[in-house]
Amino acid sequence: MSVKAGSNQKVRRVRDEGVYWLGDTPVYLTRKNVRNLRLRIDVRGEFHLSIPWRAPMSLARDFLHEQSAWIARQQERFSRRQATQPQLVDGETVAWWGQDIPLKIVENPHPRARAVAEVGAGAIVLNVPVGAPLEKRQRALDKLRKTSLEIRLAPVLAKWAAVFETEPGAVRIRRMKSRWGSCNPRTRALTFNLELSAKDPKYLDYVVAHEFTHYFHPNHGPEFHALLSAKLPQERQLHRALNRRKRTA
């Protein structure tokens, strides 16, 4: 959400302007070198408004009241996500390569303890400092997911490189909101969704083949599917199954 409020600003330091309460909702205000008022919600569900240096505070307040309906919708969406988001507590299960694996939490009281996840005997063990927040637990689990995905990805890339008789470009792994993978035909860079580590390995095989096909056909037209189907006859069934399954964080 933004509204234009001035231009030709000089570079200046960020300044905290405190909190504005919109009913029962706090909005954290910050002066920045921005052209527009910018309202966002962070991963903790907190609202932040960036204010241009020359914009009067009254404009910021009026803007927040105009966006009260948007704020209410974002709060509702955040609450729904929180209700379904794994909390990474002892005894919870984690989706891991197509299986639900128990999570074991081991708290370390040492003041310099770090959060580290590892695959143990029939469980994922999350070693964390006492009272470690969800964000720290998630980062440790994500690091484990990335390492595991890198290991599984290497032979799959080699397999499909041979099938398509081409070589992949740079390969990246990160969280992706709406796609399982992406391909830049110009740079040949491939990106894969971290959440593939939650799925059956057959879906990783499909996504890699899918992205290799984009080296030859950048869109999803008939020629794209003709080539992919020739290399992987089950591609349409795998696509439908992967995208109707619940995604796991």
Protein backbone atom coordinates (compact mmCIF):
# COMPACT_ATOMS: atom_id res chain seq x y z
CA MET A 1 0.00 0.00 0.00
CA SER A 2 1.42 3.40 -0.94
CA VAL A 3 0.53 6.97 -1.79
CA LYS A 4 2.82 9.57 -3.38
CA ALA A 5 3.89 12.31 -1.03
CA GLY A 6 6.88 14.10 -2.49
CA SER A 7 10.12 13.71 -4.41
CA ASN A 8 13.66 15.09 -4.87
CA GLN A 9 14.58 14.04 -1.35
CA LYS A 10 18.15 14.03 -0.12
CA VAL A 11 19.65 10.91 1.37
CA ARG A 12 18.99 10.98 5.11
CA ARG A 13 19.15 8.56 7.99
CA VAL A 14 16.17 6.51 9.15
CA ARG A 15 14.32 7.95 12.14
CA ASP A 16 11.89 6.15 14.43
CA GLU A 17 8.65 8.12 14.84
CA GLY A 18 7.09 5.87 17.47
CA VAL A 19 3.79 3.99 17.35
CA TYR A 20 0.38 5.10 16.09
CA TRP A 21 -2.59 3.16 17.43
CA LEU A 22 -5.31 2.48 14.90
CA GLY A 23 -7.94 1.26 17.31
CA ASP A 24 -6.29 -1.70 19.06
CA THR A 25 -3.68 -2.13 16.31
CA PRO A 26 -0.22 -0.60 16.73
CA VAL A 27 1.47 0.69 13.58
CA TYR A 28 5.21 1.40 13.82
CA LEU A 29 6.20 4.64 12.09
CA THR A 30 9.58 5.32 10.50
CA ARG A 31 10.89 8.28 8.53
CA LYS A 32 12.87 7.11 5.51
CA ASN A 33 14.19 8.33 2.20
CA VAL A 34 11.14 7.08 0.29
CA ARG A 35 8.90 8.82 -2.22
CA ASN A 36 5.64 7.27 -0.99
CA LEU A 37 3.96 6.24 2.21
CA ARG A 38 4.56 2.48 2.40
CA LEU A 39 2.52 0.22 4.66
CA ARG A 40 3.47 -3.41 5.19
CA ILE A 41 2.90 -6.33 7.54
CA ASP A 42 5.96 -8.29 8.66
CA VAL A 43 6.39 -12.00 9.44
CA ARG A 44 5.31 -11.39 13.06
CA GLY A 45 2.05 -9.76 12.00
CA GLU A 46 3.20 -6.26 12.93
CA PHE A 47 2.38 -3.26 10.74
CA HIS A 48 5.06 -0.78 9.67
CA LEU A 49 4.58 2.53 7.87
CA SER A 50 7.50 4.20 6.09
CA ILE A 51 7.01 7.96 5.81
CA PRO A 52 8.81 10.35 3.41
CA TRP A 53 10.84 13.00 5.18
CA ARG A 54 8.76 15.86 3.86
CA ALA A 55 5.35 14.28 4.43
CA PRO A 56 3.37 15.77 7.33
CA MET A 57 2.38 13.36 10.07
CA SER A 58 -1.27 14.23 9.44
CA LEU A 59 -0.94 12.68 5.97
CA ALA A 60 0.38 9.47 7.53
CA ARG A 61 -2.48 9.33 10.02
CA ASP A 62 -5.11 9.96 7.34
CA PHE A 63 -3.52 7.30 5.16
CA LEU A 64 -3.69 4.72 7.96
CA HIS A 65 -7.37 5.40 8.55
CA GLU A 66 -8.04 5.06 4.82
CA GLN A 67 -6.31 1.67 4.90
CA SER A 68 -8.11 0.37 8.00
CA ALA A 69 -10.11 -2.16 5.95
CA TRP A 70 -6.91 -3.44 4.30
CA ILE A 71 -5.26 -3.74 7.72
CA ALA A 72 -8.22 -5.74 9.04
CA ARG A 73 -8.03 -8.12 6.06
CA GLN A 74 -4.30 -8.65 6.58
CA GLN A 75 -4.86 -9.39 10.26
CA GLU A 76 -7.48 -11.98 9.38
CA ARG A 77 -5.20 -13.63 6.81
CA PHE A 78 -2.30 -13.63 9.25
CA SER A 79 -4.46 -15.28 11.92
CA ARG A 80 -5.55 -17.99 9.48
CA ARG A 81 -1.95 -18.69 8.50
CA GLN A 82 -0.88 -18.82 12.13
CA ALA A 83 -3.64 -21.31 12.93
CA THR A 84 -2.31 -23.75 10.32
CA GLN A 85 1.42 -22.99 10.59
CA PRO A 86 3.58 -25.61 12.30
CA GLN A 87 4.83 -24.37 15.68
CA LEU A 88 7.82 -26.75 15.70
CA VAL A 89 7.23 -28.08 19.20
CA ASP A 90 8.14 -31.47 20.65
CA GLY A 91 5.92 -34.26 19.33
CA GLU A 92 4.77 -32.35 16.27
CA THR A 93 5.29 -34.03 12.91
CA VAL A 94 7.27 -32.59 10.01
CA ALA A 95 6.69 -33.42 6.35
CA TRP A 96 9.96 -34.90 5.11
CA TRP A 97 10.35 -36.37 1.62
CA GLY A 98 6.76 -37.57 1.49
CA GLN A 99 6.54 -38.86 5.06
CA ASP A 100 5.41 -37.35 8.35
CA ILE A 101 8.42 -37.55 10.70
CA PRO A 102 8.17 -36.86 14.45
CA LEU A 103 9.97 -33.77 15.71
CA LYS A 104 12.07 -34.03 18.85
CA ILE A 105 13.07 -30.81 20.60
CA VAL A 106 16.24 -30.82 22.69
CA GLU A 107 16.81 -27.59 24.63
CA ASN A 108 20.35 -26.52 25.45
CA PRO A 109 20.75 -24.15 28.45
CA HIS A 110 24.21 -22.95 27.36
CA PRO A 111 24.12 -19.15 26.74
CA ARG A 112 25.88 -19.55 23.38
CA ALA A 113 23.85 -22.52 22.18
CA ARG A 114 22.78 -22.46 18.54
CA ALA A 115 19.71 -23.92 16.86
CA VAL A 116 20.67 -26.96 14.77
CA ALA A 117 18.41 -29.53 13.11
CA GLU A 118 19.46 -33.05 12.14
CA VAL A 119 17.85 -36.30 11.07
CA GLY A 120 18.00 -38.80 13.92
CA ALA A 121 16.66 -42.33 14.40
CA GLY A 122 13.12 -42.06 13.06
CA ALA A 123 12.84 -38.38 13.96
CA ILE A 124 14.08 -34.91 13.15
CA VAL A 125 15.98 -33.63 16.15
CA LEU A 126 15.97 -29.89 16.71
CA ASN A 127 18.64 -28.77 19.16
CA VAL A 128 17.78 -25.24 20.30
CA PRO A 129 18.61 -22.76 23.07
CA VAL A 130 16.10 -22.72 25.89
CA GLY A 131 13.09 -20.62 24.86
CA ALA A 132 14.20 -20.29 21.22
CA PRO A 133 11.45 -18.51 19.20
CA LEU A 134 9.69 -20.11 16.26
CA GLU A 135 11.72 -18.05 13.76
CA LYS A 136 15.00 -19.50 15.04
CA ARG A 137 13.62 -23.04 14.98
CA GLN A 138 12.34 -22.52 11.44
CA ARG A 139 15.71 -21.24 10.23
CA ALA A 140 17.44 -24.33 11.63
CA LEU A 141 14.93 -26.64 9.96
CA ASP A 142 15.20 -24.71 6.70
CA LYS A 143 18.98 -25.15 6.75
CA LEU A 144 18.51 -28.90 7.15
CA ARG A 145 15.96 -28.91 4.32
CA LYS A 146 18.33 -27.04 2.03
CA THR A 147 21.24 -29.39 2.70
CA SER A 148 19.06 -32.45 2.11
CA LEU A 149 17.59 -30.96 -1.07
CA GLU A 150 21.06 -30.12 -2.40
CA ILE A 151 22.15 -33.73 -1.89
CA ARG A 152 19.08 -35.17 -3.62
CA LEU A 153 19.10 -32.58 -6.35
CA ALA A 154 22.61 -33.30 -7.66
CA PRO A 155 21.92 -36.75 -9.22
CA VAL A 156 18.50 -35.67 -10.49
CA LEU A 157 20.05 -32.71 -12.31
CA ALA A 158 22.68 -34.99 -13.80
CA LYS A 159 20.02 -37.45 -14.94
CA TRP A 160 17.89 -34.86 -16.75
CA ALA A 161 20.91 -33.06 -18.17
CA ALA A 162 21.74 -36.34 -19.93
CA VAL A 163 18.14 -36.87 -21.05
CA PHE A 164 17.87 -33.37 -22.54
CA GLU A 165 21.49 -33.37 -23.70
CA THR A 166 22.20 -30.01 -22.11
CA GLU A 167 23.83 -28.64 -18.98
CA PRO A 168 22.10 -26.62 -16.24
CA GLY A 169 23.14 -23.11 -15.35
CA ALA A 170 23.47 -21.79 -11.81
CA VAL A 171 21.22 -23.60 -9.33
CA ARG A 172 19.58 -21.89 -6.35
CA ILE A 173 17.31 -23.12 -3.57
CA ARG A 174 14.96 -20.81 -1.70
CA ARG A 175 11.41 -20.51 -0.45
CA MET A 176 8.99 -19.69 -3.25
CA LYS A 177 5.43 -18.53 -2.62
CA SER A 178 3.64 -19.81 -5.70
CA ARG A 179 5.98 -22.02 -7.73
CA TRP A 180 7.93 -25.21 -7.22
CA GLY A 181 10.70 -24.09 -9.51
CA SER A 182 11.69 -21.52 -12.09
CA CYS A 183 14.00 -21.26 -15.08
CA ASN A 184 15.61 -18.25 -16.70
CA PRO A 185 16.18 -19.37 -20.32
CA ARG A 186 18.52 -16.45 -20.96
CA THR A 187 20.92 -17.05 -18.07
CA ARG A 188 19.98 -20.75 -17.74
CA ALA A 189 19.67 -20.26 -13.96
CA LEU A 190 17.40 -22.73 -12.17
CA THR A 191 15.67 -22.08 -8.84
CA PHE A 192 13.94 -24.73 -6.75
CA ASN A 193 11.48 -24.34 -3.90
CA LEU A 194 12.83 -25.36 -0.49
CA GLU A 195 9.48 -27.04 0.25
CA LEU A 196 10.21 -29.76 -2.29
CA SER A 197 12.06 -31.45 0.59
CA ALA A 198 8.64 -32.07 2.15
CA LYS A 199 7.35 -33.94 -0.90
CA ASP A 200 7.80 -37.43 -2.31
CA PRO A 201 11.08 -37.51 -4.30
CA LYS A 202 9.15 -38.28 -7.49
CA TYR A 203 7.94 -34.67 -7.48
CA LEU A 204 11.51 -33.37 -7.40
CA ASP A 205 12.16 -35.51 -10.47
CA TYR A 206 9.15 -33.94 -12.20
CA VAL A 207 10.03 -30.34 -11.29
CA VAL A 208 13.60 -30.71 -12.54
CA ALA A 209 12.39 -32.17 -15.85
CA HIS A 210 9.82 -29.37 -16.09
CA GLU A 211 12.45 -26.67 -15.65
CA PHE A 212 14.85 -28.30 -18.12
CA THR A 213 12.07 -28.18 -20.71
CA HIS A 214 12.00 -24.40 -20.33
CA TYR A 215 15.47 -24.28 -21.86
CA PHE A 216 13.75 -25.15 -25.15
CA HIS A 217 10.29 -23.62 -24.67
CA PRO A 218 9.98 -20.64 -22.25
CA ASN A 219 6.17 -20.80 -21.99
CA HIS A 220 3.71 -23.62 -21.26
CA GLY A 221 2.31 -23.98 -24.76
CA PRO A 222 1.63 -27.21 -26.70
CA GLU A 223 5.27 -27.56 -27.77
CA PHE A 224 6.41 -27.37 -24.15
CA HIS A 225 4.07 -30.18 -23.06
CA ALA A 226 4.85 -32.25 -26.14
CA LEU A 227 8.56 -32.23 -25.29
CA LEU A 228 8.08 -32.80 -21.56
CA SER A 229 5.60 -35.61 -22.15
CA ALA A 230 8.04 -37.27 -24.53
CA LYS A 231 10.68 -37.24 -21.80
CA LEU A 232 8.34 -37.85 -18.84
CA PRO A 233 4.98 -39.40 -19.91
CA GLN A 234 3.44 -38.97 -16.42
CA GLU A 235 4.12 -35.21 -16.32
CA ARG A 236 0.47 -34.08 -16.33
CA GLN A 237 -0.52 -36.53 -13.58
CA LEU A 238 2.47 -35.50 -11.47
CA HIS A 239 1.68 -31.82 -12.02
CA ARG A 240 -1.92 -32.24 -10.86
CA ALA A 241 -0.98 -34.38 -7.86
CA LEU A 242 1.77 -32.03 -6.70
CA ASN A 243 -0.39 -28.93 -6.86
CA ARG A 244 -3.43 -30.39 -5.13
CA ARG A 245 -1.43 -31.66 -2.18
CA LYS A 246 -1.23 -29.42 0.86
CA ARG A 247 2.05 -27.50 0.92
CA THR A 248 4.07 -27.79 4.11
CA ALA A 249 6.31 -25.05 5.52
